[in-house]
Amino acid sequence: MTFQLPTTCPICQETLAPDRSLDDHLVGSHTHREVVSHFVSEYDLTGEPSVAD
């Protein structure tokens, strides 16, 4: 039996129940705009060229 660490939402920092996937949480709890904004801001922090450039 393997031990799996709890999943935490990168947007709201909520720890998800073991039977709930991150995909289900993101779709059910956050708007598309929230999800996109979060991941675009994370991409910008990596120092990679902006998508807008």
PDB file of N, CA and C in Angstrom:
ATOM      1  N   MET A   1       0.846  -1.174   0.000  1.00  0.00           N
ATOM      2  CA  MET A   1       0.000   0.000   0.000  1.00  0.00           C
ATOM      3  C   MET A   1       0.894   1.241   0.000  1.00  0.00           C
ATOM      4  N   THR A   2       0.608   2.149  -0.912  1.00  0.00           N
ATOM      5  CA  THR A   2       1.417   3.361  -0.998  1.00  0.00           C
ATOM      6  C   THR A   2       0.734   4.503  -0.259  1.00  0.00           C
ATOM      7  N   PHE A   3       1.562   5.382   0.239  1.00  0.00           N
ATOM      8  CA  PHE A   3       1.050   6.559   0.939  1.00  0.00           C
ATOM      9  C   PHE A   3       1.032   7.723  -0.045  1.00  0.00           C
ATOM     10  N   GLN A   4      -0.099   8.379  -0.177  1.00  0.00           N
ATOM     11  CA  GLN A   4      -0.230   9.498  -1.093  1.00  0.00           C
ATOM     12  C   GLN A   4      -0.460  10.777  -0.288  1.00  0.00           C
ATOM     13  N   LEU A   5       0.386  11.771  -0.552  1.00  0.00           N
ATOM     14  CA  LEU A   5       0.231  13.054   0.134  1.00  0.00           C
ATOM     15  C   LEU A   5      -1.064  13.719  -0.289  1.00  0.00           C
ATOM     16  N   PRO A   6      -1.684  14.472   0.596  1.00  0.00           N
ATOM     17  CA  PRO A   6      -2.921  15.166   0.223  1.00  0.00           C
ATOM     18  C   PRO A   6      -2.643  16.210  -0.858  1.00  0.00           C
ATOM     19  N   THR A   7      -3.613  16.390  -1.732  1.00  0.00           N
ATOM     20  CA  THR A   7      -3.505  17.375  -2.801  1.00  0.00           C
ATOM     21  C   THR A   7      -4.024  18.704  -2.295  1.00  0.00           C
ATOM     22  N   THR A   8      -3.297  19.766  -2.606  1.00  0.00           N
ATOM     23  CA  THR A   8      -3.693  21.115  -2.219  1.00  0.00           C
ATOM     24  C   THR A   8      -3.935  21.929  -3.475  1.00  0.00           C
ATOM     25  N   CYS A   9      -5.032  22.649  -3.502  1.00  0.00           N
ATOM     26  CA  CYS A   9      -5.351  23.502  -4.642  1.00  0.00           C
ATOM     27  C   CYS A   9      -4.348  24.651  -4.699  1.00  0.00           C
ATOM     28  N   PRO A  10      -3.711  24.868  -5.854  1.00  0.00           N
ATOM     29  CA  PRO A  10      -2.740  25.949  -5.959  1.00  0.00           C
ATOM     30  C   PRO A  10      -3.378  27.345  -5.959  1.00  0.00           C
ATOM     31  N   ILE A  11      -4.681  27.430  -6.145  1.00  0.00           N
ATOM     32  CA  ILE A  11      -5.354  28.726  -6.198  1.00  0.00           C
ATOM     33  C   ILE A  11      -5.851  29.149  -4.820  1.00  0.00           C
ATOM     34  N   CYS A  12      -6.600  28.269  -4.151  1.00  0.00           N
ATOM     35  CA  CYS A  12      -7.198  28.648  -2.867  1.00  0.00           C
ATOM     36  C   CYS A  12      -6.522  27.986  -1.664  1.00  0.00           C
ATOM     37  N   GLN A  13      -5.534  27.132  -1.917  1.00  0.00           N
ATOM     38  CA  GLN A  13      -4.775  26.442  -0.872  1.00  0.00           C
ATOM     39  C   GLN A  13      -5.615  25.471  -0.052  1.00  0.00           C
ATOM     40  N   GLU A  14      -6.793  25.086  -0.532  1.00  0.00           N
ATOM     41  CA  GLU A  14      -7.639  24.114   0.165  1.00  0.00           C
ATOM     42  C   GLU A  14      -7.040  22.719  -0.004  1.00  0.00           C
ATOM     43  N   THR A  15      -6.988  21.960   1.086  1.00  0.00           N
ATOM     44  CA  THR A  15      -6.546  20.572   1.017  1.00  0.00           C
ATOM     45  C   THR A  15      -7.746  19.722   0.635  1.00  0.00           C
ATOM     46  N   LEU A  16      -7.581  18.954  -0.431  1.00  0.00           N
ATOM     47  CA  LEU A  16      -8.700  18.183  -0.965  1.00  0.00           C
ATOM     48  C   LEU A  16      -8.837  16.844  -0.266  1.00  0.00           C
ATOM     49  N   ALA A  17     -10.062  16.349  -0.210  1.00  0.00           N
ATOM     50  CA  ALA A  17     -10.320  15.023   0.336  1.00  0.00           C
ATOM     51  C   ALA A  17      -9.621  13.989  -0.544  1.00  0.00           C
ATOM     52  N   PRO A  18      -9.197  12.873   0.033  1.00  0.00           N
ATOM     53  CA  PRO A  18      -8.466  11.867  -0.746  1.00  0.00           C
ATOM     54  C   PRO A  18      -9.226  11.344  -1.968  1.00  0.00           C
ATOM     55  N   ASP A  19     -10.542  11.382  -1.918  1.00  0.00           N
ATOM     56  CA  ASP A  19     -11.330  10.851  -3.041  1.00  0.00           C
ATOM     57  C   ASP A  19     -11.671  11.931  -4.076  1.00  0.00           C
ATOM     58  N   ARG A  20     -11.133  13.132  -3.928  1.00  0.00           N
ATOM     59  CA  ARG A  20     -11.451  14.225  -4.851  1.00  0.00           C
ATOM     60  C   ARG A  20     -10.224  14.590  -5.667  1.00  0.00           C
ATOM     61  N   SER A  21     -10.397  14.722  -6.982  1.00  0.00           N
ATOM     62  CA  SER A  21      -9.253  15.073  -7.830  1.00  0.00           C
ATOM     63  C   SER A  21      -9.131  16.588  -7.951  1.00  0.00           C
ATOM     64  N   LEU A  22      -7.933  17.029  -8.268  1.00  0.00           N
ATOM     65  CA  LEU A  22      -7.696  18.455  -8.450  1.00  0.00           C
ATOM     66  C   LEU A  22      -8.517  18.971  -9.627  1.00  0.00           C
ATOM     67  N   ASP A  23      -8.624  18.187 -10.685  1.00  0.00           N
ATOM     68  CA  ASP A  23      -9.427  18.599 -11.846  1.00  0.00           C
ATOM     69  C   ASP A  23     -10.873  18.884 -11.450  1.00  0.00           C
ATOM     70  N   ASP A  24     -11.468  17.970 -10.689  1.00  0.00           N
ATOM     71  CA  ASP A  24     -12.856  18.163 -10.253  1.00  0.00           C
ATOM     72  C   ASP A  24     -12.995  19.416  -9.396  1.00  0.00           C
ATOM     73  N   HIS A  25     -12.028  19.635  -8.518  1.00  0.00           N
ATOM     74  CA  HIS A  25     -12.068  20.817  -7.648  1.00  0.00           C
ATOM     75  C   HIS A  25     -11.966  22.101  -8.468  1.00  0.00           C
ATOM     76  N   LEU A  26     -11.004  22.152  -9.399  1.00  0.00           N
ATOM     77  CA  LEU A  26     -10.818  23.357 -10.197  1.00  0.00           C
ATOM     78  C   LEU A  26     -12.056  23.691 -11.012  1.00  0.00           C
ATOM     79  N   VAL A  27     -12.664  22.684 -11.629  1.00  0.00           N
ATOM     80  CA  VAL A  27     -13.859  22.898 -12.445  1.00  0.00           C
ATOM     81  C   VAL A  27     -15.053  23.299 -11.577  1.00  0.00           C
ATOM     82  N   GLY A  28     -15.186  22.668 -10.413  1.00  0.00           N
ATOM     83  CA  GLY A  28     -16.349  22.914  -9.572  1.00  0.00           C
ATOM     84  C   GLY A  28     -16.262  24.125  -8.669  1.00  0.00           C
ATOM     85  N   SER A  29     -15.047  24.574  -8.357  1.00  0.00           N
ATOM     86  CA  SER A  29     -14.894  25.632  -7.361  1.00  0.00           C
ATOM     87  C   SER A  29     -14.332  26.943  -7.887  1.00  0.00           C
ATOM     88  N   HIS A  30     -13.779  26.938  -9.076  1.00  0.00           N
ATOM     89  CA  HIS A  30     -13.131  28.138  -9.600  1.00  0.00           C
ATOM     90  C   HIS A  30     -13.616  28.435 -11.014  1.00  0.00           C
ATOM     91  N   THR A  31     -13.642  29.714 -11.354  1.00  0.00           N
ATOM     92  CA  THR A  31     -14.020  30.100 -12.716  1.00  0.00           C
ATOM     93  C   THR A  31     -12.836  29.850 -13.652  1.00  0.00           C
ATOM     94  N   HIS A  32     -13.140  29.805 -14.944  1.00  0.00           N
ATOM     95  CA  HIS A  32     -12.073  29.637 -15.937  1.00  0.00           C
ATOM     96  C   HIS A  32     -11.062  30.772 -15.816  1.00  0.00           C
ATOM     97  N   ARG A  33     -11.562  31.964 -15.581  1.00  0.00           N
ATOM     98  CA  ARG A  33     -10.687  33.136 -15.473  1.00  0.00           C
ATOM     99  C   ARG A  33      -9.723  32.994 -14.287  1.00  0.00           C
ATOM    100  N   GLU A  34     -10.213  32.495 -13.135  1.00  0.00           N
ATOM    101  CA  GLU A  34      -9.347  32.306 -11.974  1.00  0.00           C
ATOM    102  C   GLU A  34      -8.230  31.301 -12.279  1.00  0.00           C
ATOM    103  N   VAL A  35      -8.601  30.207 -12.902  1.00  0.00           N
ATOM    104  CA  VAL A  35      -7.629  29.155 -13.208  1.00  0.00           C
ATOM    105  C   VAL A  35      -6.580  29.670 -14.187  1.00  0.00           C
ATOM    106  N   VAL A  36      -7.034  30.303 -15.261  1.00  0.00           N
ATOM    107  CA  VAL A  36      -6.100  30.815 -16.265  1.00  0.00           C
ATOM    108  C   VAL A  36      -5.206  31.892 -15.670  1.00  0.00           C
ATOM    109  N   SER A  37      -5.773  32.804 -14.910  1.00  0.00           N
ATOM    110  CA  SER A  37      -4.982  33.878 -14.304  1.00  0.00           C
ATOM    111  C   SER A  37      -3.894  33.320 -13.406  1.00  0.00           C
ATOM    112  N   HIS A  38      -4.245  32.315 -12.619  1.00  0.00           N
ATOM    113  CA  HIS A  38      -3.258  31.727 -11.713  1.00  0.00           C
ATOM    114  C   HIS A  38      -2.103  31.102 -12.489  1.00  0.00           C
ATOM    115  N   PHE A  39      -2.428  30.288 -13.485  1.00  0.00           N
ATOM    116  CA  PHE A  39      -1.376  29.576 -14.195  1.00  0.00           C
ATOM    117  C   PHE A  39      -0.561  30.491 -15.105  1.00  0.00           C
ATOM    118  N   VAL A  40      -1.171  31.537 -15.628  1.00  0.00           N
ATOM    119  CA  VAL A  40      -0.405  32.510 -16.411  1.00  0.00           C
ATOM    120  C   VAL A  40       0.560  33.254 -15.495  1.00  0.00           C
ATOM    121  N   SER A  41       0.117  33.626 -14.304  1.00  0.00           N
ATOM    122  CA  SER A  41       1.012  34.326 -13.380  1.00  0.00           C
ATOM    123  C   SER A  41       2.154  33.413 -12.942  1.00  0.00           C
ATOM    124  N   GLU A  42       1.893  32.127 -12.761  1.00  0.00           N
ATOM    125  CA  GLU A  42       2.949  31.176 -12.419  1.00  0.00           C
ATOM    126  C   GLU A  42       3.946  31.064 -13.566  1.00  0.00           C
ATOM    127  N   TYR A  43       3.472  31.044 -14.779  1.00  0.00           N
ATOM    128  CA  TYR A  43       4.337  30.957 -15.957  1.00  0.00           C
ATOM    129  C   TYR A  43       5.223  32.193 -16.037  1.00  0.00           C
ATOM    130  N   ASP A  44       4.654  33.363 -15.776  1.00  0.00           N
ATOM    131  CA  ASP A  44       5.418  34.608 -15.822  1.00  0.00           C
ATOM    132  C   ASP A  44       6.524  34.625 -14.770  1.00  0.00           C
ATOM    133  N   LEU A  45       6.315  33.989 -13.620  1.00  0.00           N
ATOM    134  CA  LEU A  45       7.316  33.974 -12.557  1.00  0.00           C
ATOM    135  C   LEU A  45       8.524  33.120 -12.903  1.00  0.00           C
ATOM    136  N   THR A  46       8.396  32.243 -13.895  1.00  0.00           N
ATOM    137  CA  THR A  46       9.506  31.351 -14.243  1.00  0.00           C
ATOM    138  C   THR A  46      10.569  32.059 -15.055  1.00  0.00           C
ATOM    139  N   GLY A  47      10.292  33.283 -15.511  1.00  0.00           N
ATOM    140  CA  GLY A  47      11.260  34.001 -16.300  1.00  0.00           C
ATOM    141  C   GLY A  47      11.164  33.703 -17.785  1.00  0.00           C
ATOM    142  N   GLU A  48      10.211  32.876 -18.154  1.00  0.00           N
ATOM    143  CA  GLU A  48      10.009  32.563 -19.565  1.00  0.00           C
ATOM    144  C   GLU A  48       9.398  33.772 -20.253  1.00  0.00           C
ATOM    145  N   PRO A  49       9.556  33.888 -21.569  1.00  0.00           N
ATOM    146  CA  PRO A  49       8.938  35.000 -22.286  1.00  0.00           C
ATOM    147  C   PRO A  49       7.421  34.986 -22.119  1.00  0.00           C
ATOM    148  N   SER A  50       6.842  36.146 -22.022  1.00  0.00           N
ATOM    149  CA  SER A  50       5.399  36.269 -21.875  1.00  0.00           C
ATOM    150  C   SER A  50       4.698  35.783 -23.122  1.00  0.00           C
ATOM    151  N   VAL A  51       3.539  35.198 -22.965  1.00  0.00           N
ATOM    152  CA  VAL A  51       2.742  34.747 -24.094  1.00  0.00           C
ATOM    153  C   VAL A  51       2.327  35.941 -24.938  1.00  0.00           C
ATOM    154  N   ALA A  52       2.171  37.096 -24.316  1.00  0.00           N
ATOM    155  CA  ALA A  52       1.737  38.295 -25.027  1.00  0.00           C
ATOM    156  C   ALA A  52       2.835  38.879 -25.915  1.00  0.00           C
ATOM    157  N   ASP A  53       4.083  38.529 -25.653  1.00  0.00           N
ATOM    158  CA  ASP A  53       5.202  39.097 -26.432  1.00  0.00           C
ATOM    159  C   ASP A  53       5.312  38.493 -27.808  1.00  0.00           C
TER     160      ASP A  53
END
